[in-house]
Amino acid sequence: MSKLNAEQRKARDNERFSQRVDERRVKGEDVVAYVLANNKAFKFLTKEEKFSFKERQATLQEEATIKAQQRLKLKEQEELERIQAEFTEK
């Protein structure tokens, strides 16, 4: 087996992603969910699927931001409670 150069690897990978997207489409599976998990397959989506992908990606990013903010607030609250507990013990 010979080694592939970068261009050949890219062509091989693109063919694989294209096949996987097409297989999922034929099976009626959620193609956008697959692309959310593997961004390299994005270019094989239809225009409508790309729009759906961008909407869902924005929603996921917004949810992640909200969760991160909640974790930060919780961490700050725990730190504040820890400091208050230290002062009340003394």
PDB file of N, CA and C in Angstrom:
ATOM      1  N   MET A   1       0.849  -1.182   0.000  1.00  0.00           N
ATOM      2  CA  MET A   1       0.000   0.000   0.000  1.00  0.00           C
ATOM      3  C   MET A   1       0.890   1.239   0.000  1.00  0.00           C
ATOM      4  N   SER A   2       0.722   2.060  -0.988  1.00  0.00           N
ATOM      5  CA  SER A   2       1.550   3.246  -1.081  1.00  0.00           C
ATOM      6  C   SER A   2       0.971   4.365  -0.226  1.00  0.00           C
ATOM      7  N   LYS A   3       1.836   5.258   0.157  1.00  0.00           N
ATOM      8  CA  LYS A   3       1.397   6.392   0.962  1.00  0.00           C
ATOM      9  C   LYS A   3       0.737   7.419   0.054  1.00  0.00           C
ATOM     10  N   LEU A   4      -0.315   8.015   0.563  1.00  0.00           N
ATOM     11  CA  LEU A   4      -1.031   9.027  -0.206  1.00  0.00           C
ATOM     12  C   LEU A   4      -0.494  10.404   0.136  1.00  0.00           C
ATOM     13  N   ASN A   5      -0.447  11.260  -0.855  1.00  0.00           N
ATOM     14  CA  ASN A   5      -0.049  12.630  -0.558  1.00  0.00           C
ATOM     15  C   ASN A   5      -1.277  13.382  -0.025  1.00  0.00           C
ATOM     16  N   ALA A   6      -1.080  14.609   0.375  1.00  0.00           N
ATOM     17  CA  ALA A   6      -2.150  15.374   1.020  1.00  0.00           C
ATOM     18  C   ALA A   6      -3.359  15.533   0.105  1.00  0.00           C
ATOM     19  N   GLU A   7      -3.126  15.783  -1.160  1.00  0.00           N
ATOM     20  CA  GLU A   7      -4.225  15.978  -2.099  1.00  0.00           C
ATOM     21  C   GLU A   7      -5.035  14.695  -2.276  1.00  0.00           C
ATOM     22  N   GLN A   8      -4.358  13.568  -2.338  1.00  0.00           N
ATOM     23  CA  GLN A   8      -5.040  12.287  -2.489  1.00  0.00           C
ATOM     24  C   GLN A   8      -5.839  11.935  -1.231  1.00  0.00           C
ATOM     25  N   ARG A   9      -5.267  12.231  -0.060  1.00  0.00           N
ATOM     26  CA  ARG A   9      -5.985  11.986   1.199  1.00  0.00           C
ATOM     27  C   ARG A   9      -7.246  12.839   1.271  1.00  0.00           C
ATOM     28  N   LYS A  10      -7.119  14.103   0.870  1.00  0.00           N
ATOM     29  CA  LYS A  10      -8.267  15.003   0.908  1.00  0.00           C
ATOM     30  C   LYS A  10      -9.362  14.508  -0.029  1.00  0.00           C
ATOM     31  N   ALA A  11      -8.985  14.076  -1.225  1.00  0.00           N
ATOM     32  CA  ALA A  11      -9.967  13.564  -2.182  1.00  0.00           C
ATOM     33  C   ALA A  11     -10.635  12.299  -1.638  1.00  0.00           C
ATOM     34  N   ARG A  12      -9.841  11.415  -1.027  1.00  0.00           N
ATOM     35  CA  ARG A  12     -10.386  10.184  -0.448  1.00  0.00           C
ATOM     36  C   ARG A  12     -11.359  10.504   0.681  1.00  0.00           C
ATOM     37  N   ASP A  13     -10.958  11.411   1.566  1.00  0.00           N
ATOM     38  CA  ASP A  13     -11.818  11.787   2.685  1.00  0.00           C
ATOM     39  C   ASP A  13     -13.109  12.450   2.202  1.00  0.00           C
ATOM     40  N   ASN A  14     -12.998  13.331   1.216  1.00  0.00           N
ATOM     41  CA  ASN A  14     -14.190  13.985   0.678  1.00  0.00           C
ATOM     42  C   ASN A  14     -15.155  12.962   0.098  1.00  0.00           C
ATOM     43  N   GLU A  15     -14.633  11.973  -0.590  1.00  0.00           N
ATOM     44  CA  GLU A  15     -15.478  10.925  -1.157  1.00  0.00           C
ATOM     45  C   GLU A  15     -16.176  10.150  -0.047  1.00  0.00           C
ATOM     46  N   ARG A  16     -15.451   9.842   1.016  1.00  0.00           N
ATOM     47  CA  ARG A  16     -16.046   9.113   2.139  1.00  0.00           C
ATOM     48  C   ARG A  16     -17.149   9.918   2.814  1.00  0.00           C
ATOM     49  N   PHE A  17     -16.892  11.204   3.060  1.00  0.00           N
ATOM     50  CA  PHE A  17     -17.905  12.044   3.700  1.00  0.00           C
ATOM     51  C   PHE A  17     -19.129  12.177   2.806  1.00  0.00           C
ATOM     52  N   SER A  18     -18.900  12.332   1.522  1.00  0.00           N
ATOM     53  CA  SER A  18     -20.002  12.439   0.570  1.00  0.00           C
ATOM     54  C   SER A  18     -20.854  11.168   0.599  1.00  0.00           C
ATOM     55  N   GLN A  19     -20.216  10.025   0.601  1.00  0.00           N
ATOM     56  CA  GLN A  19     -20.941   8.754   0.654  1.00  0.00           C
ATOM     57  C   GLN A  19     -21.736   8.620   1.947  1.00  0.00           C
ATOM     58  N   ARG A  20     -21.114   8.984   3.053  1.00  0.00           N
ATOM     59  CA  ARG A  20     -21.793   8.862   4.350  1.00  0.00           C
ATOM     60  C   ARG A  20     -23.022   9.761   4.429  1.00  0.00           C
ATOM     61  N   VAL A  21     -22.883  10.985   3.923  1.00  0.00           N
ATOM     62  CA  VAL A  21     -24.022  11.904   3.923  1.00  0.00           C
ATOM     63  C   VAL A  21     -25.130  11.349   3.038  1.00  0.00           C
ATOM     64  N   ASP A  22     -24.764  10.872   1.864  1.00  0.00           N
ATOM     65  CA  ASP A  22     -25.768  10.302   0.952  1.00  0.00           C
ATOM     66  C   ASP A  22     -26.445   9.080   1.565  1.00  0.00           C
ATOM     67  N   GLU A  23     -25.678   8.216   2.222  1.00  0.00           N
ATOM     68  CA  GLU A  23     -26.259   7.030   2.862  1.00  0.00           C
ATOM     69  C   GLU A  23     -27.270   7.424   3.922  1.00  0.00           C
ATOM     70  N   ARG A  24     -26.927   8.416   4.716  1.00  0.00           N
ATOM     71  CA  ARG A  24     -27.839   8.859   5.769  1.00  0.00           C
ATOM     72  C   ARG A  24     -29.099   9.477   5.167  1.00  0.00           C
ATOM     73  N   ARG A  25     -28.935  10.220   4.098  1.00  0.00           N
ATOM     74  CA  ARG A  25     -30.076  10.820   3.419  1.00  0.00           C
ATOM     75  C   ARG A  25     -31.024   9.735   2.905  1.00  0.00           C
ATOM     76  N   VAL A  26     -30.454   8.709   2.287  1.00  0.00           N
ATOM     77  CA  VAL A  26     -31.262   7.607   1.739  1.00  0.00           C
ATOM     78  C   VAL A  26     -32.002   6.870   2.850  1.00  0.00           C
ATOM     79  N   LYS A  27     -31.339   6.673   3.989  1.00  0.00           N
ATOM     80  CA  LYS A  27     -31.953   5.978   5.120  1.00  0.00           C
ATOM     81  C   LYS A  27     -32.970   6.846   5.851  1.00  0.00           C
ATOM     82  N   GLY A  28     -32.993   8.148   5.533  1.00  0.00           N
ATOM     83  CA  GLY A  28     -33.925   9.053   6.203  1.00  0.00           C
ATOM     84  C   GLY A  28     -33.411   9.520   7.550  1.00  0.00           C
ATOM     85  N   GLU A  29     -32.133   9.351   7.793  1.00  0.00           N
ATOM     86  CA  GLU A  29     -31.549   9.777   9.067  1.00  0.00           C
ATOM     87  C   GLU A  29     -31.304  11.286   9.056  1.00  0.00           C
ATOM     88  N   ASP A  30     -31.022  11.815  10.208  1.00  0.00           N
ATOM     89  CA  ASP A  30     -30.775  13.242  10.369  1.00  0.00           C
ATOM     90  C   ASP A  30     -29.359  13.574   9.894  1.00  0.00           C
ATOM     91  N   VAL A  31     -29.257  14.073   8.678  1.00  0.00           N
ATOM     92  CA  VAL A  31     -27.960  14.401   8.079  1.00  0.00           C
ATOM     93  C   VAL A  31     -27.310  15.564   8.822  1.00  0.00           C
ATOM     94  N   VAL A  32     -28.115  16.516   9.245  1.00  0.00           N
ATOM     95  CA  VAL A  32     -27.588  17.695   9.929  1.00  0.00           C
ATOM     96  C   VAL A  32     -26.932  17.293  11.250  1.00  0.00           C
ATOM     97  N   ALA A  33     -27.503  16.342  11.949  1.00  0.00           N
ATOM     98  CA  ALA A  33     -26.905  15.873  13.206  1.00  0.00           C
ATOM     99  C   ALA A  33     -25.534  15.255  12.939  1.00  0.00           C
ATOM    100  N   TYR A  34     -25.422  14.516  11.841  1.00  0.00           N
ATOM    101  CA  TYR A  34     -24.127  13.933  11.476  1.00  0.00           C
ATOM    102  C   TYR A  34     -23.100  15.024  11.225  1.00  0.00           C
ATOM    103  N   VAL A  35     -23.505  16.069  10.518  1.00  0.00           N
ATOM    104  CA  VAL A  35     -22.574  17.149  10.203  1.00  0.00           C
ATOM    105  C   VAL A  35     -22.233  17.959  11.448  1.00  0.00           C
ATOM    106  N   LEU A  36     -23.164  18.073  12.380  1.00  0.00           N
ATOM    107  CA  LEU A  36     -22.852  18.753  13.636  1.00  0.00           C
ATOM    108  C   LEU A  36     -21.733  18.018  14.374  1.00  0.00           C
ATOM    109  N   ALA A  37     -21.732  16.704  14.243  1.00  0.00           N
ATOM    110  CA  ALA A  37     -20.699  15.899  14.887  1.00  0.00           C
ATOM    111  C   ALA A  37     -19.415  15.882  14.074  1.00  0.00           C
ATOM    112  N   ASN A  38     -19.523  16.122  12.779  1.00  0.00           N
ATOM    113  CA  ASN A  38     -18.357  16.048  11.905  1.00  0.00           C
ATOM    114  C   ASN A  38     -18.435  17.173  10.884  1.00  0.00           C
ATOM    115  N   ASN A  39     -17.854  18.315  11.204  1.00  0.00           N
ATOM    116  CA  ASN A  39     -17.964  19.507  10.358  1.00  0.00           C
ATOM    117  C   ASN A  39     -17.376  19.340   8.965  1.00  0.00           C
ATOM    118  N   LYS A  40     -16.518  18.366   8.769  1.00  0.00           N
ATOM    119  CA  LYS A  40     -15.898  18.193   7.459  1.00  0.00           C
ATOM    120  C   LYS A  40     -16.916  17.810   6.395  1.00  0.00           C
ATOM    121  N   ALA A  41     -18.049  17.296   6.780  1.00  0.00           N
ATOM    122  CA  ALA A  41     -19.077  16.877   5.844  1.00  0.00           C
ATOM    123  C   ALA A  41     -20.018  18.021   5.462  1.00  0.00           C
ATOM    124  N   PHE A  42     -19.792  19.205   5.988  1.00  0.00           N
ATOM    125  CA  PHE A  42     -20.676  20.358   5.760  1.00  0.00           C
ATOM    126  C   PHE A  42     -20.879  20.648   4.279  1.00  0.00           C
ATOM    127  N   LYS A  43     -19.826  20.561   3.495  1.00  0.00           N
ATOM    128  CA  LYS A  43     -19.922  20.959   2.088  1.00  0.00           C
ATOM    129  C   LYS A  43     -20.785  20.012   1.254  1.00  0.00           C
ATOM    130  N   PHE A  44     -21.203  18.899   1.818  1.00  0.00           N
ATOM    131  CA  PHE A  44     -22.035  17.946   1.090  1.00  0.00           C
ATOM    132  C   PHE A  44     -23.518  18.096   1.413  1.00  0.00           C
ATOM    133  N   LEU A  45     -23.861  19.105   2.209  1.00  0.00           N
ATOM    134  CA  LEU A  45     -25.265  19.357   2.535  1.00  0.00           C
ATOM    135  C   LEU A  45     -25.936  20.165   1.420  1.00  0.00           C
ATOM    136  N   THR A  46     -27.249  20.025   1.352  1.00  0.00           N
ATOM    137  CA  THR A  46     -28.013  20.857   0.431  1.00  0.00           C
ATOM    138  C   THR A  46     -28.167  22.243   1.055  1.00  0.00           C
ATOM    139  N   LYS A  47     -28.689  23.167   0.288  1.00  0.00           N
ATOM    140  CA  LYS A  47     -28.852  24.542   0.770  1.00  0.00           C
ATOM    141  C   LYS A  47     -29.761  24.584   2.009  1.00  0.00           C
ATOM    142  N   GLU A  48     -30.859  23.838   1.960  1.00  0.00           N
ATOM    143  CA  GLU A  48     -31.789  23.809   3.093  1.00  0.00           C
ATOM    144  C   GLU A  48     -31.135  23.172   4.322  1.00  0.00           C
ATOM    145  N   GLU A  49     -30.364  22.112   4.088  1.00  0.00           N
ATOM    146  CA  GLU A  49     -29.683  21.442   5.198  1.00  0.00           C
ATOM    147  C   GLU A  49     -28.622  22.350   5.815  1.00  0.00           C
ATOM    148  N   LYS A  50     -27.939  23.121   4.987  1.00  0.00           N
ATOM    149  CA  LYS A  50     -26.937  24.061   5.505  1.00  0.00           C
ATOM    150  C   LYS A  50     -27.596  25.118   6.377  1.00  0.00           C
ATOM    151  N   PHE A  51     -28.760  25.595   5.951  1.00  0.00           N
ATOM    152  CA  PHE A  51     -29.496  26.575   6.741  1.00  0.00           C
ATOM    153  C   PHE A  51     -29.896  25.979   8.083  1.00  0.00           C
ATOM    154  N   SER A  52     -30.423  24.761   8.049  1.00  0.00           N
ATOM    155  CA  SER A  52     -30.807  24.070   9.281  1.00  0.00           C
ATOM    156  C   SER A  52     -29.593  23.846  10.174  1.00  0.00           C
ATOM    157  N   PHE A  53     -28.472  23.467   9.568  1.00  0.00           N
ATOM    158  CA  PHE A  53     -27.231  23.253  10.315  1.00  0.00           C
ATOM    159  C   PHE A  53     -26.824  24.519  11.061  1.00  0.00           C
ATOM    160  N   LYS A  54     -26.845  25.639  10.364  1.00  0.00           N
ATOM    161  CA  LYS A  54     -26.424  26.904  10.983  1.00  0.00           C
ATOM    162  C   LYS A  54     -27.357  27.309  12.119  1.00  0.00           C
ATOM    163  N   GLU A  55     -28.655  27.080  11.941  1.00  0.00           N
ATOM    164  CA  GLU A  55     -29.613  27.383  13.016  1.00  0.00           C
ATOM    165  C   GLU A  55     -29.342  26.514  14.243  1.00  0.00           C
ATOM    166  N   ARG A  56     -29.194  25.219  14.011  1.00  0.00           N
ATOM    167  CA  ARG A  56     -28.969  24.295  15.128  1.00  0.00           C
ATOM    168  C   ARG A  56     -27.623  24.547  15.796  1.00  0.00           C
ATOM    169  N   GLN A  57     -26.617  24.881  15.010  1.00  0.00           N
ATOM    170  CA  GLN A  57     -25.304  25.178  15.572  1.00  0.00           C
ATOM    171  C   GLN A  57     -25.374  26.419  16.454  1.00  0.00           C
ATOM    172  N   ALA A  58     -26.092  27.443  16.002  1.00  0.00           N
ATOM    173  CA  ALA A  58     -26.252  28.660  16.793  1.00  0.00           C
ATOM    174  C   ALA A  58     -26.982  28.349  18.100  1.00  0.00           C
ATOM    175  N   THR A  59     -28.007  27.511  18.031  1.00  0.00           N
ATOM    176  CA  THR A  59     -28.753  27.122  19.229  1.00  0.00           C
ATOM    177  C   THR A  59     -27.846  26.382  20.207  1.00  0.00           C
ATOM    178  N   LEU A  60     -27.049  25.454  19.681  1.00  0.00           N
ATOM    179  CA  LEU A  60     -26.134  24.700  20.544  1.00  0.00           C
ATOM    180  C   LEU A  60     -25.096  25.617  21.191  1.00  0.00           C
ATOM    181  N   GLN A  61     -24.587  26.567  20.427  1.00  0.00           N
ATOM    182  CA  GLN A  61     -23.605  27.498  20.985  1.00  0.00           C
ATOM    183  C   GLN A  61     -24.233  28.382  22.054  1.00  0.00           C
ATOM    184  N   GLU A  62     -25.470  28.805  21.816  1.00  0.00           N
ATOM    185  CA  GLU A  62     -26.170  29.623  22.797  1.00  0.00           C
ATOM    186  C   GLU A  62     -26.392  28.833  24.087  1.00  0.00           C
ATOM    187  N   GLU A  63     -26.809  27.576  23.945  1.00  0.00           N
ATOM    188  CA  GLU A  63     -27.018  26.727  25.120  1.00  0.00           C
ATOM    189  C   GLU A  63     -25.704  26.512  25.871  1.00  0.00           C
ATOM    190  N   ALA A  64     -24.630  26.318  25.150  1.00  0.00           N
ATOM    191  CA  ALA A  64     -23.322  26.122  25.787  1.00  0.00           C
ATOM    192  C   ALA A  64     -22.900  27.379  26.533  1.00  0.00           C
ATOM    193  N   THR A  65     -23.165  28.533  25.954  1.00  0.00           N
ATOM    194  CA  THR A  65     -22.824  29.795  26.602  1.00  0.00           C
ATOM    195  C   THR A  65     -23.626  29.965  27.888  1.00  0.00           C
ATOM    196  N   ILE A  66     -24.905  29.649  27.826  1.00  0.00           N
ATOM    197  CA  ILE A  66     -25.766  29.767  29.007  1.00  0.00           C
ATOM    198  C   ILE A  66     -25.290  28.822  30.104  1.00  0.00           C
ATOM    199  N   LYS A  67     -24.959  27.584  29.733  1.00  0.00           N
ATOM    200  CA  LYS A  67     -24.469  26.628  30.724  1.00  0.00           C
ATOM    201  C   LYS A  67     -23.156  27.088  31.339  1.00  0.00           C
ATOM    202  N   ALA A  68     -22.282  27.647  30.525  1.00  0.00           N
ATOM    203  CA  ALA A  68     -20.998  28.137  31.033  1.00  0.00           C
ATOM    204  C   ALA A  68     -21.224  29.288  32.008  1.00  0.00           C
ATOM    205  N   GLN A  69     -22.164  30.173  31.686  1.00  0.00           N
ATOM    206  CA  GLN A  69     -22.477  31.281  32.584  1.00  0.00           C
ATOM    207  C   GLN A  69     -23.061  30.766  33.893  1.00  0.00           C
ATOM    208  N   GLN A  70     -23.911  29.757  33.808  1.00  0.00           N
ATOM    209  CA  GLN A  70     -24.507  29.187  35.016  1.00  0.00           C
ATOM    210  C   GLN A  70     -23.435  28.537  35.885  1.00  0.00           C
ATOM    211  N   ARG A  71     -22.510  27.819  35.261  1.00  0.00           N
ATOM    212  CA  ARG A  71     -21.418  27.195  36.026  1.00  0.00           C
ATOM    213  C   ARG A  71     -20.553  28.258  36.695  1.00  0.00           C
ATOM    214  N   LEU A  72     -20.297  29.347  35.980  1.00  0.00           N
ATOM    215  CA  LEU A  72     -19.488  30.424  36.540  1.00  0.00           C
ATOM    216  C   LEU A  72     -20.197  31.060  37.737  1.00  0.00           C
ATOM    217  N   LYS A  73     -21.500  31.304  37.607  1.00  0.00           N
ATOM    218  CA  LYS A  73     -22.267  31.879  38.713  1.00  0.00           C
ATOM    219  C   LYS A  73     -22.268  30.938  39.917  1.00  0.00           C
ATOM    220  N   LEU A  74     -22.442  29.650  39.649  1.00  0.00           N
ATOM    221  CA  LEU A  74     -22.444  28.667  40.729  1.00  0.00           C
ATOM    222  C   LEU A  74     -21.082  28.640  41.424  1.00  0.00           C
ATOM    223  N   LYS A  75     -20.031  28.684  40.632  1.00  0.00           N
ATOM    224  CA  LYS A  75     -18.677  28.678  41.195  1.00  0.00           C
ATOM    225  C   LYS A  75     -18.438  29.928  42.040  1.00  0.00           C
ATOM    226  N   GLU A  76     -18.891  31.078  41.543  1.00  0.00           N
ATOM    227  CA  GLU A  76     -18.743  32.319  42.298  1.00  0.00           C
ATOM    228  C   GLU A  76     -19.544  32.256  43.596  1.00  0.00           C
ATOM    229  N   GLN A  77     -20.751  31.706  43.527  1.00  0.00           N
ATOM    230  CA  GLN A  77     -21.601  31.587  44.716  1.00  0.00           C
ATOM    231  C   GLN A  77     -20.952  30.664  45.748  1.00  0.00           C
ATOM    232  N   GLU A  78     -20.400  29.543  45.281  1.00  0.00           N
ATOM    233  CA  GLU A  78     -19.729  28.621  46.197  1.00  0.00           C
ATOM    234  C   GLU A  78     -18.510  29.279  46.838  1.00  0.00           C
ATOM    235  N   GLU A  79     -17.767  30.041  46.057  1.00  0.00           N
ATOM    236  CA  GLU A  79     -16.589  30.751  46.582  1.00  0.00           C
ATOM    237  C   GLU A  79     -17.020  31.776  47.630  1.00  0.00           C
ATOM    238  N   LEU A  80     -18.095  32.500  47.339  1.00  0.00           N
ATOM    239  CA  LEU A  80     -18.608  33.493  48.280  1.00  0.00           C
ATOM    240  C   LEU A  80     -19.057  32.829  49.581  1.00  0.00           C
ATOM    241  N   GLU A  81     -19.746  31.701  49.467  1.00  0.00           N
ATOM    242  CA  GLU A  81     -20.199  30.975  50.656  1.00  0.00           C
ATOM    243  C   GLU A  81     -19.014  30.456  51.462  1.00  0.00           C
ATOM    244  N   ARG A  82     -17.979  30.000  50.773  1.00  0.00           N
ATOM    245  CA  ARG A  82     -16.786  29.504  51.450  1.00  0.00           C
ATOM    246  C   ARG A  82     -16.098  30.633  52.225  1.00  0.00           C
ATOM    247  N   ILE A  83     -16.008  31.792  51.604  1.00  0.00           N
ATOM    248  CA  ILE A  83     -15.371  32.947  52.261  1.00  0.00           C
ATOM    249  C   ILE A  83     -16.207  33.399  53.450  1.00  0.00           C
ATOM    250  N   GLN A  84     -17.527  33.444  53.278  1.00  0.00           N
ATOM    251  CA  GLN A  84     -18.396  33.840  54.388  1.00  0.00           C
ATOM    252  C   GLN A  84     -18.287  32.840  55.540  1.00  0.00           C
ATOM    253  N   ALA A  85     -18.176  31.565  55.211  1.00  0.00           N
ATOM    254  CA  ALA A  85     -18.053  30.538  56.255  1.00  0.00           C
ATOM    255  C   ALA A  85     -16.742  30.728  57.028  1.00  0.00           C
ATOM    256  N   GLU A  86     -15.675  31.107  56.361  1.00  0.00           N
ATOM    257  CA  GLU A  86     -14.397  31.345  57.024  1.00  0.00           C
ATOM    258  C   GLU A  86     -14.498  32.494  58.015  1.00  0.00           C
ATOM    259  N   PHE A  87     -15.213  33.554  57.637  1.00  0.00           N
ATOM    260  CA  PHE A  87     -15.348  34.698  58.522  1.00  0.00           C
ATOM    261  C   PHE A  87     -16.240  34.407  59.707  1.00  0.00           C
ATOM    262  N   THR A  88     -17.266  33.609  59.524  1.00  0.00           N
ATOM    263  CA  THR A  88     -18.168  33.309  60.627  1.00  0.00           C
ATOM    264  C   THR A  88     -17.544  32.339  61.617  1.00  0.00           C
ATOM    265  N   GLU A  89     -16.570  31.526  61.156  1.00  0.00           N
ATOM    266  CA  GLU A  89     -15.890  30.598  62.049  1.00  0.00           C
ATOM    267  C   GLU A  89     -14.945  31.312  62.990  1.00  0.00           C
ATOM    268  N   LYS A  90     -14.397  32.422  62.570  1.00  0.00           N
ATOM    269  CA  LYS A  90     -13.382  33.136  63.377  1.00  0.00           C
ATOM    270  C   LYS A  90     -13.984  33.940  64.467  1.00  0.00           C
TER     271      LYS A  90
END
